[in-house]
Amino acid sequence: MPKRVLTGTIVSDKTDKTVVVKVERRVKHPLYGKIVRRSKKYHAHDEGNEYREGETVRIEETAPISKLKTWRVIERVGAAAPAEAA
């Protein structure tokens, strides 16, 4: 069975060797037909602590690494959006 690959945005990189990736998908509402956004957060393994919050990354399903981590980051798709100066 092939490994699933998802694309999402890193919302947290505070833990060691772990990033939290928010993956959004668009689905059609069953009754009203409107397209709505659904999101889910995945804990992904980041061995070198090289990915930062706000970056877009691709994650791949792996064997369980810990209680919550069954995904690992495979590549960076987009850089983090620049922070606005106040």
Protein backbone atom coordinates (compact mmCIF):
# COMPACT_ATOMS: atom_id res chain seq x y z
CA MET A 1 0.00 0.00 0.00
CA PRO A 2 1.51 3.38 -0.94
CA LYS A 3 2.31 5.99 1.69
CA ARG A 4 -0.03 8.96 1.85
CA VAL A 5 1.51 12.37 1.15
CA LEU A 6 -0.19 15.58 2.32
CA THR A 7 0.64 19.27 1.96
CA GLY A 8 0.07 21.75 4.78
CA THR A 9 1.33 24.71 6.77
CA ILE A 10 3.42 24.46 9.93
CA VAL A 11 1.52 26.03 12.83
CA SER A 12 3.96 25.11 15.62
CA ASP A 13 7.65 24.19 15.83
CA LYS A 14 8.09 24.52 19.59
CA THR A 15 8.78 20.86 20.41
CA ASP A 16 12.12 19.17 19.73
CA LYS A 17 12.25 17.27 16.41
CA THR A 18 8.49 17.75 15.91
CA VAL A 19 6.35 20.17 13.92
CA VAL A 20 2.56 20.49 13.88
CA VAL A 21 1.23 20.71 10.33
CA LYS A 22 -2.27 22.00 9.55
CA VAL A 23 -3.71 20.38 6.42
CA GLU A 24 -6.78 22.01 4.87
CA ARG A 25 -9.16 20.37 2.43
CA ARG A 26 -12.22 21.69 0.64
CA VAL A 27 -15.42 19.67 0.67
CA LYS A 28 -18.90 20.27 -0.65
CA HIS A 29 -21.61 20.51 2.03
CA PRO A 30 -23.93 17.51 1.58
CA LEU A 31 -27.18 19.48 1.85
CA TYR A 32 -26.43 23.06 0.89
CA GLY A 33 -23.76 22.47 -1.74
CA LYS A 34 -21.45 25.22 -0.51
CA ILE A 35 -17.73 24.52 -0.57
CA VAL A 36 -16.42 24.58 3.01
CA ARG A 37 -12.91 24.27 4.41
CA ARG A 38 -12.06 21.46 6.80
CA SER A 39 -8.70 21.23 8.53
CA LYS A 40 -6.78 18.74 10.62
CA LYS A 41 -3.47 18.97 12.48
CA TYR A 42 -0.77 16.31 12.20
CA HIS A 43 2.37 15.91 14.31
CA ALA A 44 5.30 15.28 11.97
CA HIS A 45 8.90 14.27 12.63
CA ASP A 46 11.56 16.89 11.81
CA GLU A 47 14.92 15.26 12.58
CA GLY A 48 17.14 18.33 12.15
CA ASN A 49 14.76 21.00 13.50
CA GLU A 50 15.13 22.75 10.13
CA TYR A 51 11.51 23.73 9.45
CA ARG A 52 9.91 26.87 10.90
CA GLU A 53 6.39 28.07 11.66
CA GLY A 54 4.54 29.43 8.62
CA GLU A 55 6.35 27.31 6.02
CA THR A 56 4.41 25.08 3.64
CA VAL A 57 5.68 21.49 3.69
CA ARG A 58 4.85 18.02 2.40
CA ILE A 59 4.48 15.23 4.95
CA GLU A 60 4.56 11.47 4.42
CA GLU A 61 2.95 8.71 6.43
CA THR A 62 5.41 6.45 8.29
CA ALA A 63 5.46 3.77 10.94
CA PRO A 64 4.65 5.19 14.41
CA ILE A 65 7.53 7.22 15.84
CA SER A 66 5.79 8.12 19.10
CA LYS A 67 2.29 8.30 20.58
CA LEU A 68 1.19 11.15 18.27
CA LYS A 69 3.79 11.08 15.45
CA THR A 70 3.08 8.85 12.46
CA TRP A 71 4.16 11.38 9.82
CA ARG A 72 7.51 12.85 8.77
CA VAL A 73 8.39 16.00 6.83
CA ILE A 74 9.81 15.19 3.39
CA GLU A 75 10.29 18.58 1.76
CA ARG A 76 9.66 22.33 1.90
CA VAL A 77 7.13 23.58 -0.68
CA GLY A 78 6.98 27.27 0.23
CA ALA A 79 8.79 29.67 2.53
CA ALA A 80 7.19 31.34 5.51
CA ALA A 81 5.21 34.49 4.82
CA PRO A 82 7.10 37.59 6.01
CA ALA A 83 5.89 39.00 9.31
CA GLU A 84 4.31 42.45 9.16
CA ALA A 85 6.13 45.18 11.08
CA ALA A 86 3.83 47.10 13.41
